[in-house]
Amino acid sequence: MATYPVKHKETGETKEIVMSIHDWDQWKEDNPEWERYYTPENAPKFGEVGDFQNKLVKNHPGWNEVLEKASKQPGARNLKI
C-alpha cells in the first residue's frame, strides 16, 4: 500500500489516501477536485544530496590519475575533476 498526500483544489483541505498503486489512477479520475500535495515532511526522498565529484575523489583517491590518462588520448576532452 502507498500513501498519497492530497489537497482539495477549492477548499484547501488536506488528507492522506492509503491505497494500492494500481488503484491510484482510477481514484484520480474519480476525484478530479483533489491533487497531489507535497510538503517538506511528506515529499519523496531521492537519496543523498551533495557534491558528487568531491565524494568520488575522496572515496577513490586514484580517480584523477585515471581521468588524466584518459584525457591524453586522441580526441578526448579534459575529464579531470
N, C-alpha and C. Protein backbone atom coordinates (compact mmCIF):
# COMPACT_ATOMS: atom_id res chain seq x y z
N MET A 1 0.83 -1.18 0.00
CA MET A 1 0.00 0.00 0.00
C MET A 1 0.88 1.25 0.00
N ALA A 2 0.42 2.24 -0.70
CA ALA A 2 1.14 3.51 -0.77
C ALA A 2 0.28 4.61 -0.13
N THR A 3 0.95 5.65 0.33
CA THR A 3 0.25 6.79 0.93
C THR A 3 0.39 7.97 -0.02
N TYR A 4 -0.74 8.59 -0.33
CA TYR A 4 -0.77 9.73 -1.25
C TYR A 4 -1.30 10.95 -0.53
N PRO A 5 -0.46 11.96 -0.27
CA PRO A 5 -0.96 13.19 0.32
C PRO A 5 -1.69 13.99 -0.76
N VAL A 6 -2.91 14.43 -0.46
CA VAL A 6 -3.71 15.16 -1.44
C VAL A 6 -4.30 16.41 -0.80
N LYS A 7 -4.64 17.36 -1.68
CA LYS A 7 -5.22 18.63 -1.24
C LYS A 7 -6.41 18.95 -2.15
N HIS A 8 -7.50 19.37 -1.53
CA HIS A 8 -8.69 19.74 -2.30
C HIS A 8 -8.42 21.09 -2.96
N LYS A 9 -8.66 21.18 -4.26
CA LYS A 9 -8.33 22.38 -5.03
C LYS A 9 -9.12 23.61 -4.59
N GLU A 10 -10.36 23.43 -4.16
CA GLU A 10 -11.21 24.57 -3.81
C GLU A 10 -11.15 24.92 -2.33
N THR A 11 -11.23 23.92 -1.45
CA THR A 11 -11.32 24.19 -0.02
C THR A 11 -9.96 24.25 0.66
N GLY A 12 -8.93 23.64 0.06
CA GLY A 12 -7.61 23.62 0.67
C GLY A 12 -7.45 22.52 1.71
N GLU A 13 -8.50 21.71 1.91
CA GLU A 13 -8.43 20.60 2.85
C GLU A 13 -7.34 19.62 2.40
N THR A 14 -6.56 19.11 3.35
CA THR A 14 -5.53 18.12 3.02
C THR A 14 -5.83 16.83 3.76
N LYS A 15 -5.43 15.72 3.15
CA LYS A 15 -5.55 14.41 3.78
C LYS A 15 -4.61 13.45 3.07
N GLU A 16 -4.46 12.27 3.67
CA GLU A 16 -3.63 11.24 3.07
C GLU A 16 -4.51 10.07 2.67
N ILE A 17 -4.33 9.61 1.46
CA ILE A 17 -5.06 8.48 0.93
C ILE A 17 -4.12 7.29 0.92
N VAL A 18 -4.54 6.17 1.50
CA VAL A 18 -3.74 4.96 1.51
C VAL A 18 -4.43 3.94 0.62
N MET A 19 -3.74 3.54 -0.44
CA MET A 19 -4.31 2.57 -1.38
C MET A 19 -3.21 1.95 -2.22
N SER A 20 -3.58 0.94 -2.95
CA SER A 20 -2.66 0.28 -3.85
C SER A 20 -2.28 1.24 -4.98
N ILE A 21 -1.06 1.13 -5.44
CA ILE A 21 -0.62 1.97 -6.55
C ILE A 21 -1.45 1.69 -7.80
N HIS A 22 -1.99 0.50 -7.90
CA HIS A 22 -2.81 0.13 -9.05
C HIS A 22 -4.17 0.84 -9.03
N ASP A 23 -4.63 1.24 -7.85
CA ASP A 23 -5.92 1.92 -7.73
C ASP A 23 -5.80 3.44 -7.85
N TRP A 24 -4.59 3.97 -7.78
CA TRP A 24 -4.38 5.41 -7.74
C TRP A 24 -4.90 6.12 -8.99
N ASP A 25 -4.63 5.62 -10.16
CA ASP A 25 -5.08 6.27 -11.39
C ASP A 25 -6.60 6.38 -11.45
N GLN A 26 -7.28 5.32 -11.04
CA GLN A 26 -8.74 5.36 -11.03
C GLN A 26 -9.25 6.36 -10.00
N TRP A 27 -8.60 6.43 -8.84
CA TRP A 27 -9.01 7.38 -7.80
C TRP A 27 -8.88 8.82 -8.32
N LYS A 28 -7.79 9.10 -9.04
CA LYS A 28 -7.60 10.45 -9.59
C LYS A 28 -8.70 10.80 -10.58
N GLU A 29 -9.09 9.84 -11.42
CA GLU A 29 -10.17 10.09 -12.38
C GLU A 29 -11.50 10.32 -11.67
N ASP A 30 -11.74 9.57 -10.60
CA ASP A 30 -12.99 9.69 -9.86
C ASP A 30 -13.05 10.93 -8.98
N ASN A 31 -11.91 11.53 -8.67
CA ASN A 31 -11.83 12.68 -7.75
C ASN A 31 -10.99 13.81 -8.35
N PRO A 32 -11.45 14.43 -9.43
CA PRO A 32 -10.62 15.45 -10.10
C PRO A 32 -10.43 16.72 -9.27
N GLU A 33 -11.21 16.89 -8.22
CA GLU A 33 -11.09 18.09 -7.39
C GLU A 33 -9.93 17.99 -6.38
N TRP A 34 -9.28 16.83 -6.33
CA TRP A 34 -8.14 16.60 -5.45
C TRP A 34 -6.87 16.51 -6.29
N GLU A 35 -5.75 17.01 -5.71
CA GLU A 35 -4.46 16.92 -6.39
C GLU A 35 -3.39 16.50 -5.40
N ARG A 36 -2.29 15.95 -5.90
CA ARG A 36 -1.18 15.58 -5.03
C ARG A 36 -0.66 16.83 -4.35
N TYR A 37 -0.27 16.68 -3.09
CA TYR A 37 0.15 17.83 -2.29
C TYR A 37 1.38 17.42 -1.49
N TYR A 38 2.52 18.05 -1.78
CA TYR A 38 3.75 17.72 -1.08
C TYR A 38 4.17 18.86 -0.16
N THR A 39 4.67 18.48 1.00
CA THR A 39 5.29 19.40 1.95
C THR A 39 6.71 18.88 2.18
N PRO A 40 7.57 19.64 2.82
CA PRO A 40 8.92 19.12 3.10
C PRO A 40 8.89 17.81 3.91
N GLU A 41 7.86 17.64 4.72
CA GLU A 41 7.77 16.44 5.55
C GLU A 41 7.33 15.21 4.76
N ASN A 42 6.49 15.37 3.74
CA ASN A 42 5.98 14.20 3.05
C ASN A 42 6.48 14.05 1.61
N ALA A 43 7.41 14.89 1.20
CA ALA A 43 7.94 14.83 -0.16
C ALA A 43 8.80 13.58 -0.34
N PRO A 44 8.78 13.00 -1.54
CA PRO A 44 9.62 11.82 -1.79
C PRO A 44 11.10 12.19 -1.63
N LYS A 45 11.86 11.27 -1.11
CA LYS A 45 13.29 11.49 -0.89
C LYS A 45 14.05 10.82 -2.03
N PHE A 46 15.08 11.50 -2.51
CA PHE A 46 15.84 10.99 -3.64
C PHE A 46 17.27 10.66 -3.28
N GLY A 47 17.53 10.32 -2.04
CA GLY A 47 18.87 9.91 -1.65
C GLY A 47 19.71 11.08 -1.17
N GLU A 48 20.98 10.83 -1.09
CA GLU A 48 21.91 11.80 -0.55
C GLU A 48 22.14 12.96 -1.51
N VAL A 49 22.24 14.16 -0.96
CA VAL A 49 22.49 15.34 -1.76
C VAL A 49 23.88 15.85 -1.42
N GLY A 50 24.62 16.27 -2.43
CA GLY A 50 25.95 16.79 -2.17
C GLY A 50 26.78 16.83 -3.44
N ASP A 51 27.99 17.25 -3.30
CA ASP A 51 28.90 17.39 -4.43
C ASP A 51 29.50 16.02 -4.76
N PHE A 52 28.96 15.37 -5.79
CA PHE A 52 29.39 14.02 -6.13
C PHE A 52 30.86 13.96 -6.52
N GLN A 53 31.37 15.04 -7.11
CA GLN A 53 32.77 15.00 -7.55
C GLN A 53 33.72 14.90 -6.36
N ASN A 54 33.47 15.67 -5.31
CA ASN A 54 34.33 15.59 -4.13
C ASN A 54 34.22 14.23 -3.47
N LYS A 55 33.03 13.65 -3.44
CA LYS A 55 32.85 12.33 -2.84
C LYS A 55 33.57 11.27 -3.67
N LEU A 56 33.55 11.42 -4.98
CA LEU A 56 34.21 10.45 -5.85
C LEU A 56 35.71 10.45 -5.60
N VAL A 57 36.31 11.63 -5.54
CA VAL A 57 37.75 11.73 -5.32
C VAL A 57 38.10 11.26 -3.91
N LYS A 58 37.27 11.58 -2.93
CA LYS A 58 37.53 11.18 -1.54
C LYS A 58 37.47 9.66 -1.40
N ASN A 59 36.47 9.03 -2.01
CA ASN A 59 36.30 7.59 -1.88
C ASN A 59 37.22 6.78 -2.78
N HIS A 60 37.70 7.38 -3.86
CA HIS A 60 38.58 6.70 -4.82
C HIS A 60 39.75 7.63 -5.14
N PRO A 61 40.76 7.67 -4.29
CA PRO A 61 41.85 8.65 -4.42
C PRO A 61 42.60 8.63 -5.74
N GLY A 62 42.67 7.52 -6.44
CA GLY A 62 43.41 7.45 -7.69
C GLY A 62 42.59 7.83 -8.92
N TRP A 63 41.36 8.27 -8.71
CA TRP A 63 40.46 8.53 -9.83
C TRP A 63 40.96 9.64 -10.74
N ASN A 64 41.51 10.71 -10.21
CA ASN A 64 42.00 11.81 -11.05
C ASN A 64 43.13 11.35 -11.96
N GLU A 65 43.97 10.45 -11.50
CA GLU A 65 45.05 9.95 -12.35
C GLU A 65 44.48 9.15 -13.53
N VAL A 66 43.44 8.36 -13.26
CA VAL A 66 42.79 7.61 -14.34
C VAL A 66 42.20 8.58 -15.36
N LEU A 67 41.52 9.61 -14.90
CA LEU A 67 40.92 10.59 -15.81
C LEU A 67 41.98 11.37 -16.58
N GLU A 68 43.10 11.65 -15.92
CA GLU A 68 44.18 12.38 -16.58
C GLU A 68 44.75 11.55 -17.74
N LYS A 69 44.96 10.26 -17.52
CA LYS A 69 45.44 9.38 -18.59
C LYS A 69 44.43 9.30 -19.73
N ALA A 70 43.16 9.21 -19.39
CA ALA A 70 42.13 9.13 -20.42
C ALA A 70 42.07 10.41 -21.23
N SER A 71 42.28 11.55 -20.59
CA SER A 71 42.20 12.83 -21.31
C SER A 71 43.35 13.03 -22.27
N LYS A 72 44.43 12.26 -22.13
CA LYS A 72 45.57 12.37 -23.04
C LYS A 72 45.37 11.57 -24.32
N GLN A 73 44.32 10.79 -24.40
CA GLN A 73 44.04 10.00 -25.59
C GLN A 73 43.56 10.91 -26.72
N PRO A 74 43.85 10.57 -27.96
CA PRO A 74 43.45 11.41 -29.08
C PRO A 74 41.92 11.65 -29.11
N GLY A 75 41.54 12.89 -29.23
CA GLY A 75 40.12 13.27 -29.33
C GLY A 75 39.40 13.35 -28.00
N ALA A 76 40.12 13.16 -26.90
CA ALA A 76 39.47 13.19 -25.58
C ALA A 76 39.35 14.62 -25.07
N ARG A 77 38.31 14.84 -24.28
CA ARG A 77 38.15 16.12 -23.60
C ARG A 77 38.85 16.04 -22.26
N ASN A 78 39.10 17.17 -21.63
CA ASN A 78 39.70 17.19 -20.30
C ASN A 78 38.65 16.72 -19.30
N LEU A 79 38.88 15.58 -18.66
CA LEU A 79 37.91 14.98 -17.75
C LEU A 79 38.28 15.16 -16.29
N LYS A 80 39.36 15.87 -16.00
CA LYS A 80 39.85 15.96 -14.62
C LYS A 80 38.83 16.65 -13.74
N ILE A 81 38.64 16.10 -12.57
CA ILE A 81 37.70 16.66 -11.60
C ILE A 81 38.39 17.68 -10.75
